[in-house]
Protein backbone atom coordinates (compact mmCIF):
# COMPACT_ATOMS: atom_id res chain seq x y z
CA MET A 1 -35.40 10.30 41.88
CA LYS A 2 -35.81 6.56 41.40
CA LYS A 3 -36.76 7.08 37.74
CA LEU A 4 -33.77 9.34 37.23
CA GLY A 5 -31.55 6.63 38.68
CA TYR A 6 -32.83 4.09 36.15
CA VAL A 7 -32.08 6.54 33.33
CA ALA A 8 -28.55 7.07 34.59
CA VAL A 9 -27.94 3.32 34.85
CA ALA A 10 -29.29 2.79 31.34
CA ALA A 11 -27.09 5.54 29.98
CA LEU A 12 -24.03 4.00 31.61
CA ALA A 13 -24.92 0.59 30.24
CA LEU A 14 -25.34 1.99 26.75
CA MET A 15 -21.98 3.74 27.01
CA SER A 16 -20.35 0.47 28.09
CA LEU A 17 -21.78 -1.32 25.07
CA LEU A 18 -20.59 1.39 22.72
CA VAL A 19 -17.09 1.39 24.16
CA GLY A 20 -16.92 -2.39 24.41
CA GLY A 21 -18.07 -2.84 20.83
CA CYS A 22 -15.26 -0.83 19.29
CA GLY A 23 -12.27 -2.45 17.62
CA SER A 24 -11.42 -5.92 16.37
CA ASP A 25 -8.34 -8.06 15.84
CA LYS A 26 -8.01 -6.55 12.36
CA LYS A 27 -8.19 -2.92 13.42
CA ALA A 28 -6.20 -0.78 15.76
CA ASP A 29 -7.55 -0.94 19.29
CA THR A 30 -6.96 2.71 20.04
CA ALA A 31 -8.29 2.34 23.57
CA SER A 32 -5.50 -0.08 24.44
CA GLY A 33 -2.40 1.75 25.63
CA ASN A 34 -0.14 -1.31 25.87
CA LYS A 35 -0.35 -2.44 22.24
CA LEU A 36 1.91 -1.51 19.38
CA ILE A 37 -0.36 0.07 16.77
CA VAL A 38 0.48 -0.21 13.07
CA TYR A 39 -1.30 1.73 10.32
CA THR A 40 -0.81 0.06 6.96
CA SER A 41 -2.14 -0.05 3.41
CA MET A 42 -0.96 -3.66 3.05
CA LYS A 43 -3.76 -6.13 2.51
CA GLU A 44 -4.77 -8.75 5.04
CA ASN A 45 -2.99 -11.62 3.31
CA LEU A 46 0.37 -9.82 3.75
CA ILE A 47 0.13 -7.90 7.02
CA ARG A 48 -1.51 -10.66 9.06
CA GLY A 49 1.32 -13.17 8.58
CA ILE A 50 3.98 -10.59 9.37
CA VAL A 51 2.23 -9.42 12.54
CA ASP A 52 1.76 -13.01 13.69
CA GLY A 53 5.42 -13.78 13.00
CA PHE A 54 6.55 -10.70 14.90
CA LYS A 55 4.40 -11.56 17.91
CA LYS A 56 5.80 -15.10 17.94
CA ALA A 57 9.36 -13.73 17.84
CA ASN A 58 8.52 -11.11 20.48
CA PRO A 59 6.05 -12.81 22.87
CA GLY A 60 5.97 -9.87 25.25
CA ILE A 61 4.68 -7.40 22.65
CA GLU A 62 1.03 -7.16 21.62
CA VAL A 63 0.25 -5.71 18.19
CA ASP A 64 -2.87 -4.36 16.53
CA TYR A 65 -3.11 -2.91 13.06
CA GLN A 66 -5.48 -0.94 10.91
CA SER A 67 -5.44 -1.67 7.20
CA ALA A 68 -6.86 0.90 4.78
CA GLY A 69 -5.93 2.81 1.65
CA ALA A 70 -3.03 5.23 1.98
CA GLY A 71 -5.28 8.24 1.34
CA LYS A 72 -7.66 7.25 4.13
CA LEU A 73 -4.81 6.62 6.54
CA MET A 74 -3.24 10.01 5.85
CA ALA A 75 -6.60 11.69 6.42
CA LYS A 76 -6.91 9.80 9.71
CA ILE A 77 -3.41 10.86 10.76
CA ALA A 78 -4.17 14.48 9.87
CA ALA A 79 -7.30 14.37 12.03
CA GLU A 80 -5.39 12.78 14.92
CA ARG A 81 -2.71 15.47 14.70
CA GLN A 82 -5.43 18.09 14.94
CA SER A 83 -6.71 16.43 18.10
CA GLY A 84 -3.21 16.40 19.54
CA LYS A 85 -2.13 12.75 19.36
CA ILE A 86 -1.30 10.31 16.56
CA LEU A 87 -2.66 6.99 17.79
CA ALA A 88 -0.35 4.81 15.70
CA ASP A 89 3.26 3.92 16.47
CA VAL A 90 4.26 2.62 13.04
CA ILE A 91 3.11 3.38 9.50
CA TRP A 92 3.71 1.16 6.45
CA THR A 93 2.20 2.14 3.09
CA SER A 94 3.23 2.46 -0.55
CA GLU A 95 2.82 6.19 -1.06
CA VAL A 96 6.41 7.39 -0.89
CA PRO A 97 5.60 11.13 -1.16
CA ASP A 98 3.59 10.89 2.06
CA PHE A 99 6.72 9.82 3.93
CA TYR A 100 8.72 12.74 2.58
CA LYS A 101 5.89 15.04 3.62
CA MET A 102 5.75 13.52 7.12
CA LYS A 103 9.52 13.84 7.33
CA MET A 104 9.29 17.54 6.42
CA ASP A 105 6.54 17.94 9.01
CA GLY A 106 8.89 16.54 11.64
CA ILE A 107 6.62 13.73 12.84
CA LEU A 108 8.85 10.75 12.00
CA GLU A 109 11.43 9.21 14.31
CA ASN A 110 14.96 9.02 12.93
CA TYR A 111 15.90 5.37 13.30
CA LYS A 112 18.68 3.72 11.35
CA SER A 113 17.89 0.05 11.72
CA PRO A 114 20.97 -2.17 12.00
CA VAL A 115 19.20 -4.58 9.65
CA TYR A 116 18.92 -1.98 6.91
CA LYS A 117 22.52 -2.43 5.76
CA GLU A 118 21.47 -5.91 4.60
CA CYS A 119 18.71 -4.50 2.39
CA VAL A 120 18.40 -2.85 -1.00
CA ASN A 121 18.07 0.91 -0.58
CA PRO A 122 16.00 2.69 -3.26
CA PHE A 123 16.34 6.08 -1.54
CA ASP A 124 19.42 8.11 -2.45
CA ASP A 125 18.79 10.46 0.48
CA TYR A 126 18.20 7.79 3.12
CA ASP A 127 18.68 9.20 6.62
CA GLY A 128 16.73 6.80 8.83
CA SER A 129 13.39 8.63 8.67
CA PHE A 130 11.89 5.65 6.82
CA HIS A 131 13.00 2.37 5.28
CA ALA A 132 11.85 0.50 2.18
CA ALA A 133 10.13 -2.68 3.38
CA ARG A 134 9.26 -4.13 -0.02
CA LEU A 135 9.51 -3.26 -3.71
CA GLY A 136 5.97 -3.46 -5.01
CA THR A 137 5.52 -3.99 -8.72
CA LEU A 138 2.54 -3.05 -10.83
CA GLY A 139 1.66 -4.39 -14.22
CA ILE A 140 -1.25 -4.98 -16.52
CA ILE A 141 -3.51 -7.80 -15.43
CA VAL A 142 -5.92 -9.37 -17.89
CA ASN A 143 -8.92 -11.63 -17.58
CA THR A 144 -7.69 -14.73 -19.40
CA ASP A 145 -11.23 -15.69 -20.43
CA LYS A 146 -11.63 -12.37 -22.25
CA ILE A 147 -8.12 -11.58 -23.51
CA LYS A 148 -6.22 -14.29 -25.38
CA ASN A 149 -3.18 -12.26 -26.49
CA ALA A 150 -1.60 -10.78 -23.38
CA PRO A 151 -0.35 -7.18 -23.68
CA THR A 152 3.40 -6.67 -23.93
CA GLN A 153 3.47 -2.85 -24.13
CA TRP A 154 1.66 -0.06 -22.29
CA SER A 155 0.37 1.10 -25.68
CA ASP A 156 -1.51 -2.19 -26.08
CA LEU A 157 -4.16 -0.80 -23.71
CA LEU A 158 -5.16 1.62 -26.47
CA LYS A 159 -6.30 -1.24 -28.73
CA PRO A 160 -10.00 -1.84 -29.53
CA GLU A 161 -10.23 -5.00 -27.40
CA TYR A 162 -9.80 -2.86 -24.29
CA LYS A 163 -12.45 -0.31 -25.27
CA ASN A 164 -14.38 0.61 -22.10
CA LYS A 165 -12.79 -2.38 -20.37
CA PHE A 166 -9.59 -1.07 -18.75
CA GLY A 167 -9.54 0.15 -15.15
CA ILE A 168 -7.16 2.03 -12.89
CA ALA A 169 -7.52 2.76 -9.18
CA ASN A 170 -8.12 6.35 -8.11
CA PRO A 171 -4.66 7.81 -7.25
CA ALA A 172 -6.26 10.06 -4.64
CA LEU A 173 -7.10 6.92 -2.64
CA SER A 174 -4.34 4.47 -3.57
CA GLY A 175 -0.66 5.16 -2.97
CA THR A 176 0.51 2.59 -5.50
CA SER A 177 -1.87 4.00 -8.09
CA TYR A 178 -0.62 7.53 -7.49
CA MET A 179 3.01 6.53 -7.92
CA SER A 180 2.11 4.57 -11.06
CA VAL A 181 0.29 7.55 -12.56
CA ALA A 182 3.25 9.80 -11.75
CA LEU A 183 5.71 7.35 -13.33
CA LEU A 184 3.63 6.74 -16.45
CA ALA A 185 3.04 10.48 -16.91
CA LYS A 186 6.77 11.10 -16.67
CA GLN A 187 7.61 8.26 -19.05
CA PHE A 188 4.94 8.78 -21.72
CA GLY A 189 3.48 12.22 -21.02
CA TRP A 190 -0.11 13.15 -20.21
CA ASP A 191 -1.06 12.42 -23.81
CA TYR A 192 -1.02 8.73 -22.86
CA PHE A 193 -3.83 9.30 -20.37
CA TYR A 194 -5.84 11.31 -22.88
CA LYS A 195 -5.60 8.31 -25.21
CA LEU A 196 -6.64 5.95 -22.42
CA LYS A 197 -9.66 8.14 -21.75
CA ALA A 198 -10.52 8.15 -25.47
CA ASN A 199 -10.49 4.36 -25.31
CA GLY A 200 -12.93 4.38 -22.40
CA ALA A 201 -10.58 3.82 -19.45
CA ARG A 202 -12.49 3.59 -16.17
CA ILE A 203 -11.74 4.47 -12.55
CA GLY A 204 -11.95 2.12 -9.58
CA LYS A 205 -11.96 3.25 -5.97
CA GLY A 206 -9.10 1.10 -4.75
CA SER A 207 -6.37 -1.26 -5.89
CA GLY A 208 -8.31 -4.32 -4.79
CA GLN A 209 -11.51 -3.29 -6.54
CA VAL A 210 -10.05 -3.04 -10.04
CA ILE A 211 -8.53 -6.49 -9.60
CA ASP A 212 -11.87 -7.92 -8.47
CA ASP A 213 -13.61 -6.26 -11.40
CA THR A 214 -11.07 -7.78 -13.78
CA ALA A 215 -11.46 -11.22 -12.24
CA SER A 216 -15.25 -11.00 -12.59
CA GLY A 217 -15.04 -9.94 -16.25
CA GLU A 218 -16.57 -6.52 -15.72
CA LEU A 219 -13.17 -5.24 -16.79
CA TYR A 220 -10.91 -7.09 -19.21
CA ALA A 221 -7.73 -5.51 -17.85
CA SER A 222 -6.48 -3.16 -15.15
CA LEU A 223 -3.38 -1.61 -13.66
CA ALA A 224 -2.74 -3.87 -10.70
CA VAL A 225 -0.53 -4.51 -7.68
CA ASP A 226 1.52 -7.70 -7.70
CA TYR A 227 0.72 -9.45 -4.42
CA ILE A 228 -3.01 -8.66 -4.46
CA THR A 229 -3.20 -10.11 -7.98
CA HIS A 230 -1.23 -13.21 -7.04
CA GLY A 231 -3.46 -13.78 -4.03
CA LYS A 232 -6.50 -13.81 -6.31
CA ILE A 233 -4.76 -16.21 -8.72
CA GLU A 234 -4.01 -18.54 -5.81
CA LYS A 235 -7.74 -18.63 -5.10
CA GLY A 236 -8.55 -19.56 -8.71
CA ALA A 237 -9.18 -16.20 -10.41
CA HIS A 238 -8.74 -16.33 -14.20
CA ILE A 239 -6.32 -13.43 -14.37
CA LYS A 240 -2.70 -13.01 -15.44
CA MET A 241 -0.08 -10.38 -14.64
CA CYS A 242 1.84 -8.92 -17.58
CA TYR A 243 4.92 -6.71 -17.23
CA PRO A 244 5.80 -4.25 -20.03
CA PRO A 245 9.53 -3.41 -20.40
CA GLU A 246 9.05 -0.08 -18.58
CA LEU A 247 8.74 -1.59 -15.12
CA LEU A 248 6.63 0.06 -12.44
CA VAL A 249 8.32 -0.46 -9.07
CA VAL A 250 6.98 1.34 -6.02
CA PRO A 251 8.90 1.07 -2.71
CA SER A 252 6.75 0.59 0.39
CA PRO A 253 8.28 2.60 3.24
CA VAL A 254 7.88 1.88 6.93
CA ALA A 255 8.44 4.52 9.62
CA ILE A 256 8.02 5.16 13.33
CA PHE A 257 6.11 8.16 14.62
CA LYS A 258 8.23 10.50 16.74
CA ASP A 259 5.57 10.82 19.45
CA SER A 260 5.18 7.05 19.90
CA THR A 261 5.34 5.97 23.53
CA LYS A 262 6.38 2.46 22.44
CA LYS A 263 9.49 3.24 20.42
CA ASP A 264 11.46 0.22 21.60
CA ALA A 265 8.71 -2.11 20.38
CA ALA A 266 8.32 -0.09 17.19
CA LYS A 267 12.05 -0.39 16.44
CA LYS A 268 11.85 -4.14 16.98
CA PHE A 269 8.94 -4.28 14.53
CA VAL A 270 10.93 -2.39 11.86
CA ASP A 271 13.95 -4.66 12.44
CA TYR A 272 11.74 -7.73 12.11
CA LEU A 273 10.05 -6.43 8.98
CA LEU A 274 13.43 -5.90 7.31
CA GLY A 275 14.75 -9.26 8.49
CA LYS A 276 14.91 -12.46 6.47
CA GLU A 277 11.88 -14.13 8.09
CA ALA A 278 9.44 -11.31 7.32
CA GLN A 279 10.94 -10.63 3.90
CA THR A 280 10.50 -14.31 3.04
CA GLN A 281 6.80 -13.84 3.77
CA VAL A 282 6.81 -10.75 1.53
CA ALA A 283 8.25 -12.82 -1.32
CA LYS A 284 5.82 -15.70 -0.75
CA GLN A 285 2.93 -13.27 -1.21
CA GLY A 286 4.22 -12.46 -4.69
CA THR A 287 5.96 -9.13 -4.19
CA ILE A 288 9.66 -8.27 -4.33
CA PRO A 289 11.51 -8.30 -0.99
CA VAL A 290 14.26 -5.83 -0.15
CA ARG A 291 16.77 -8.56 0.63
CA GLU A 292 18.88 -10.37 -1.95
CA ASP A 293 19.28 -13.38 0.37
CA VAL A 294 15.56 -14.24 0.24
CA ALA A 295 14.58 -17.11 -2.06
CA LEU A 296 11.92 -16.12 -4.58
CA PRO A 297 8.97 -18.51 -4.98
CA ASN A 298 9.13 -20.66 -8.10
CA LYS A 299 5.48 -20.17 -9.05
CA HIS A 300 3.58 -17.91 -11.43
CA PHE A 301 4.96 -14.73 -9.87
CA ASP A 302 7.90 -14.08 -12.24
CA LEU A 303 9.58 -11.96 -9.57
CA LEU A 304 12.91 -10.28 -10.18
CA LYS A 305 15.64 -10.08 -7.56
CA PRO A 306 15.47 -6.70 -5.81
CA VAL A 307 18.69 -5.21 -7.21
CA LEU A 308 17.73 -6.08 -10.80
CA ALA A 309 14.13 -4.91 -10.31
CA TRP A 310 15.22 -1.49 -9.07
CA LYS A 311 17.76 -1.24 -11.89
CA LYS A 312 15.03 -1.86 -14.50
CA ALA A 313 12.43 0.36 -12.82
CA MET A 314 11.19 3.68 -14.17
CA LYS A 315 12.90 6.29 -12.03
CA VAL A 316 11.20 9.15 -10.24
CA ASN A 317 12.41 12.02 -8.09
CA PHE A 318 10.52 11.37 -4.86
CA THR A 319 11.08 14.86 -3.50
CA GLU A 320 9.60 16.29 -6.69
CA ALA A 321 6.70 13.84 -6.41
CA VAL A 322 5.82 15.44 -3.06
CA LYS A 323 5.64 18.88 -4.61
CA THR A 324 3.63 17.78 -7.63
CA LYS A 325 1.28 15.27 -5.98
CA GLU A 326 -1.71 17.60 -5.75
CA ASN A 327 -1.29 18.82 -9.32
CA THR A 328 -0.74 15.29 -10.63
CA ILE A 329 -3.95 14.02 -9.06
CA LYS A 330 -5.81 17.12 -10.27
CA LYS A 331 -4.56 16.61 -13.82
CA PHE A 332 -5.46 12.94 -13.76
CA THR A 333 -8.92 13.81 -12.45
CA GLU A 334 -9.48 16.36 -15.19
CA ILE A 335 -8.51 13.90 -17.90
CA LEU A 336 -10.33 10.85 -16.59
CA GLN A 337 -13.21 12.90 -15.16
CA VAL A 338 -13.27 11.30 -11.75
CA LYS A 339 -16.45 12.24 -9.93
CA LYS A 340 -15.96 13.32 -6.32
C-alpha cells in the first residue's frame, strides 16, 4: 500500500509538470479561461506590438495569442470544432476564402464595428462577419548581392538569371501565398506557372522561409510578403522588394468566433485593431493600413495609400476563391510537383 501511494504521488507530480509546462507568452494559454485568445498568422514583429498596445489601452483585459500559418490554424480550428469547442475568441489571418467558409459554416459573430466606417472596405458584400485589418502586399524580393537589375515585370522571373533560384511559399500552408497564386493564375493563366516550373521554380514551406532563403542567397528571388521582408531589411538583410504593375494586394480579415465567451473583450480588440493607434503600427511594420488618416513611414517601404493600393490591385472574386481553393492548390501542386 505504501509503495502504491508513492506511485500515485509520482504520477500526480508528473501530471502537474506536464500541465504547468504548457503554454508561453507567445502562444495561446488554452487552460486560462479569463484571457482573450487570438489565433493569427501575423508574425511576431507585428502582432506583439498590437497586443501590447491593446493591453495598455485596456488594462483589465489579458490577451494571449498563437501565431502560425493560416493552414495550420484552420486545421487546429477544425480539430477544436470536432471536440466541441473553439478555444480562440478572435482570428486574424490573410486567407480571405477561409473567412467566407467560416461565415458559411455559421461560426463567426456578426459584429459591425463602429470604427469600420473610418476604414477602407475591400469587401463588396461586407456584413460584419469579418473586417479587413490590413492590406498586405506581395512582390518579388531579390537578393541584392546576386541580382543587380531588379525585376520590373512578373515575366522577368522566367529569365536565365533566376534559373533554379526563385521560390514561392506552399499555398496549402500560407494564406497570402494561396491568394497570390489565385490572383496570378487569373491574371496570366496557368501557363505562367508551367513556365516558372520550366525555369526551376522551387517551393518553400512558409512565407518566412522563402524570404530567409533569399536573404541567405540560397534563392536569388522569391514571392514575398511586405512586412516580413521589411523586417528583415531593417535587420540588415541584403534584399529588396520590387512591385510589378499588376499589384498583389491581399486583405487580412479579422473576425470574432460566435461561441466566444469573451465577446465584449473581442469586440474591443477588433475596434482597437481598426483604430488609428494599431493601424499606425501596421504601417510602421511596412504593410498598408486600412485607414487613410495613418501616416505612411518615409523609409524604404514604398507603401501606397490604402484607397490607391486597392484601386491598383488585381481583383478577385472572393466567393469564387472559396469554391476553387481546393482545385487551385491541387493544380499548383501538380505543376510545381510539391511533395506531401
